[in-house]
Amino acid sequence: MTAITRTAQDAGFRGGIDVRVSLRANAGDGNSAFDGAWFPRSRDLAVEVPELIAELDRRGVRVERFTYALDAWSPAPRKVVVADRIVRTGGFRSMDPGVVCLTSDGGTLRADLLVVPPETDVLTGVRALRLCTRRGLPRSPQMVLAAARSTPLPQVPVLPGRRAG
């Protein structure tokens, strides 16, 4: 069993700065398909998870466990040490690759974050981060990302004396 320790002095660790994550108010209450979204920069959880945990700590969310779809990520350590505490990780083949799950408060609070794939363009990623803070989203990560990719068509006014075609 390997534990990875990341500190602010480690090369490449931003300590929660510039982590692309959104959380909706009352995350974990079960009233929405997603409690927010996460837009990692790579599929390397050994790098990405400590940064995510540090940012969530900064926001007052104390994550104790991070679970993910095993086949969607590079191999990850079973334990990650961030700010002198251990966060357990677990990969499951049965999980949707478009979702990660955060558990806190002794396992009583669960928050599901939509994963914006790292290869997604920045504009779509930002839209997905914003969309996932709203209620009433479809339960499919693919549908939410499709909505983030779509842009409204410009409305062309119908001039007097012309028919809309």
Protein backbone atom coordinates (compact mmCIF):
# COMPACT_ATOMS: atom_id res chain seq x y z
CA MET A 1 0.00 0.00 0.00
CA THR A 2 1.49 3.31 -1.10
CA ALA A 3 0.74 6.71 0.37
CA ILE A 4 1.58 9.80 -1.64
CA THR A 5 2.39 12.95 0.29
CA ARG A 6 2.12 16.30 -1.48
CA THR A 7 3.12 19.56 0.12
CA ALA A 8 3.18 23.12 -1.18
CA GLN A 9 6.93 22.80 -1.71
CA ASP A 10 6.56 19.83 -4.09
CA ALA A 11 7.11 20.73 -7.72
CA GLY A 12 3.83 21.04 -9.54
CA PHE A 13 1.60 21.15 -6.46
CA ARG A 14 -0.43 24.32 -6.40
CA GLY A 15 -1.91 23.72 -2.94
CA GLY A 16 -5.45 24.30 -4.09
CA ILE A 17 -4.65 27.35 -6.18
CA ASP A 18 -6.19 27.37 -9.64
CA VAL A 19 -8.05 24.09 -9.16
CA ARG A 20 -11.01 23.98 -11.51
CA VAL A 21 -13.87 22.79 -9.32
CA SER A 22 -17.39 23.99 -8.58
CA LEU A 23 -19.76 23.02 -5.77
CA ARG A 24 -23.39 23.93 -5.53
CA ALA A 25 -24.87 25.24 -2.30
CA ASN A 26 -26.00 22.36 -0.07
CA ALA A 27 -23.79 19.86 -1.90
CA GLY A 28 -24.50 16.34 -0.74
CA ASP A 29 -28.17 16.87 0.09
CA GLY A 30 -29.28 14.43 -2.64
CA ASN A 31 -31.49 16.98 -4.39
CA SER A 32 -29.51 17.09 -7.63
CA ALA A 33 -27.84 14.66 -10.01
CA PHE A 34 -24.48 16.36 -9.40
CA ASP A 35 -23.18 18.39 -6.49
CA GLY A 36 -20.70 20.18 -8.69
CA ALA A 37 -18.02 19.52 -11.28
CA TRP A 38 -14.29 19.00 -11.44
CA PHE A 39 -12.12 19.84 -14.45
CA PRO A 40 -8.74 18.17 -13.80
CA ARG A 41 -5.73 18.95 -15.97
CA SER A 42 -4.69 15.31 -16.40
CA ARG A 43 -5.78 11.74 -15.65
CA ASP A 44 -3.01 11.32 -13.06
CA LEU A 45 -4.83 11.08 -9.73
CA ALA A 46 -1.56 11.11 -7.79
CA VAL A 47 -1.20 14.74 -8.92
CA GLU A 48 -4.83 15.81 -9.26
CA VAL A 49 -6.42 14.46 -6.05
CA PRO A 50 -4.12 16.26 -3.57
CA GLU A 51 -4.79 19.54 -5.36
CA LEU A 52 -8.54 18.95 -5.37
CA ILE A 53 -8.55 18.02 -1.68
CA ALA A 54 -6.47 21.09 -0.78
CA GLU A 55 -8.90 23.37 -2.63
CA LEU A 56 -11.94 21.77 -1.01
CA ASP A 57 -10.26 22.10 2.42
CA ARG A 58 -9.79 25.80 1.66
CA ARG A 59 -13.55 25.99 1.01
CA GLY A 60 -14.37 24.25 4.28
CA VAL A 61 -15.15 20.80 2.81
CA ARG A 62 -13.15 18.11 4.60
CA VAL A 63 -13.02 15.11 2.27
CA GLU A 64 -12.21 11.77 3.89
CA ARG A 65 -12.64 9.45 0.90
CA PHE A 66 -12.37 9.91 -2.86
CA THR A 67 -13.78 7.23 -5.18
CA TYR A 68 -13.49 7.04 -8.94
CA ALA A 69 -13.99 4.83 -12.00
CA LEU A 70 -10.97 2.57 -12.07
CA ASP A 71 -10.61 2.38 -15.86
CA ALA A 72 -10.86 6.17 -16.43
CA TRP A 73 -7.69 7.15 -14.56
CA SER A 74 -4.04 6.21 -14.29
CA PRO A 75 -3.30 4.00 -11.27
CA ALA A 76 -3.69 5.91 -8.02
CA PRO A 77 -2.35 5.43 -4.51
CA ARG A 78 -4.77 4.02 -1.93
CA LYS A 79 -3.97 6.86 0.47
CA VAL A 80 -3.08 10.48 -0.21
CA VAL A 81 -1.69 12.75 2.51
CA VAL A 82 -2.74 16.38 2.22
CA ALA A 83 -2.08 18.94 4.96
CA ASP A 84 -0.99 16.23 7.43
CA ARG A 85 -4.11 14.11 7.06
CA ILE A 86 -4.89 10.99 5.08
CA VAL A 87 -7.57 10.81 2.40
CA ARG A 88 -8.41 7.30 1.26
CA THR A 89 -9.00 6.64 -2.42
CA GLY A 90 -10.74 3.77 -4.11
CA GLY A 91 -11.31 2.79 -7.69
CA PHE A 92 -14.31 0.77 -8.85
CA ARG A 93 -15.06 -0.70 -12.25
CA SER A 94 -18.80 -0.23 -11.65
CA MET A 95 -18.60 3.58 -11.36
CA ASP A 96 -19.46 5.91 -14.21
CA PRO A 97 -16.18 7.31 -15.61
CA GLY A 98 -17.80 10.75 -15.76
CA VAL A 99 -18.26 10.98 -11.98
CA VAL A 100 -16.11 11.01 -8.84
CA CYS A 101 -17.53 10.69 -5.35
CA LEU A 102 -16.36 12.58 -2.27
CA THR A 103 -17.30 11.38 1.21
CA SER A 104 -17.00 13.43 4.39
CA ASP A 105 -18.41 13.79 7.90
CA GLY A 106 -17.57 10.23 8.89
CA GLY A 107 -19.16 8.84 5.74
CA THR A 108 -22.53 10.54 6.25
CA LEU A 109 -22.15 13.16 3.53
CA ARG A 110 -21.62 12.15 -0.10
CA ALA A 111 -21.08 14.55 -2.98
CA ASP A 112 -20.94 13.43 -6.62
CA LEU A 113 -18.91 15.61 -8.95
CA LEU A 114 -19.20 15.47 -12.70
CA VAL A 115 -15.74 15.03 -14.23
CA VAL A 116 -15.03 17.29 -17.16
CA PRO A 117 -12.47 15.27 -19.16
CA PRO A 118 -9.04 16.95 -19.09
CA GLU A 119 -8.92 17.04 -22.88
CA THR A 120 -12.08 19.18 -23.04
CA ASP A 121 -11.69 22.70 -24.40
CA VAL A 122 -11.61 25.40 -21.73
CA LEU A 123 -14.87 27.14 -22.78
CA THR A 124 -16.85 23.89 -22.57
CA GLY A 125 -15.16 23.04 -19.27
CA VAL A 126 -16.08 26.37 -17.71
CA ARG A 127 -19.68 26.01 -18.90
CA ALA A 128 -19.87 22.52 -17.35
CA LEU A 129 -18.48 23.84 -14.05
CA ARG A 130 -21.25 26.46 -13.99
CA LEU A 131 -24.02 24.12 -15.12
CA CYS A 132 -23.28 21.65 -12.33
CA THR A 133 -24.05 24.19 -9.63
CA ARG A 134 -27.70 24.21 -10.74
CA ARG A 135 -30.49 21.83 -9.83
CA GLY A 136 -32.51 19.86 -12.32
CA LEU A 137 -29.64 18.52 -14.39
CA PRO A 138 -29.91 15.26 -16.32
CA ARG A 139 -28.37 12.30 -14.50
CA SER A 140 -26.05 11.54 -17.40
CA PRO A 141 -22.60 13.17 -17.43
CA GLN A 142 -22.62 12.90 -21.22
CA MET A 143 -25.84 14.92 -21.45
CA VAL A 144 -24.50 17.65 -19.15
CA LEU A 145 -21.30 17.89 -21.20
CA ALA A 146 -23.35 18.00 -24.41
CA ALA A 147 -25.34 20.90 -22.96
CA ALA A 148 -22.08 22.65 -22.04
CA ARG A 149 -20.81 22.18 -25.61
CA SER A 150 -23.93 23.55 -27.23
CA THR A 151 -24.26 27.24 -27.88
CA PRO A 152 -27.54 28.94 -28.56
CA LEU A 153 -28.18 29.80 -32.18
CA PRO A 154 -28.44 33.50 -32.87
CA GLN A 155 -31.98 34.70 -33.34
CA VAL A 156 -32.53 36.26 -36.73
CA PRO A 157 -35.37 38.76 -36.69
CA VAL A 158 -38.06 38.39 -39.33
CA LEU A 159 -38.27 41.61 -41.31
CA PRO A 160 -41.71 43.07 -42.05
CA GLY A 161 -43.11 41.70 -45.27
CA ARG A 162 -40.95 38.55 -45.20
CA ARG A 163 -41.87 35.06 -44.14
CA ALA A 164 -39.84 33.13 -41.66
CA GLY A 165 -38.27 30.25 -43.48
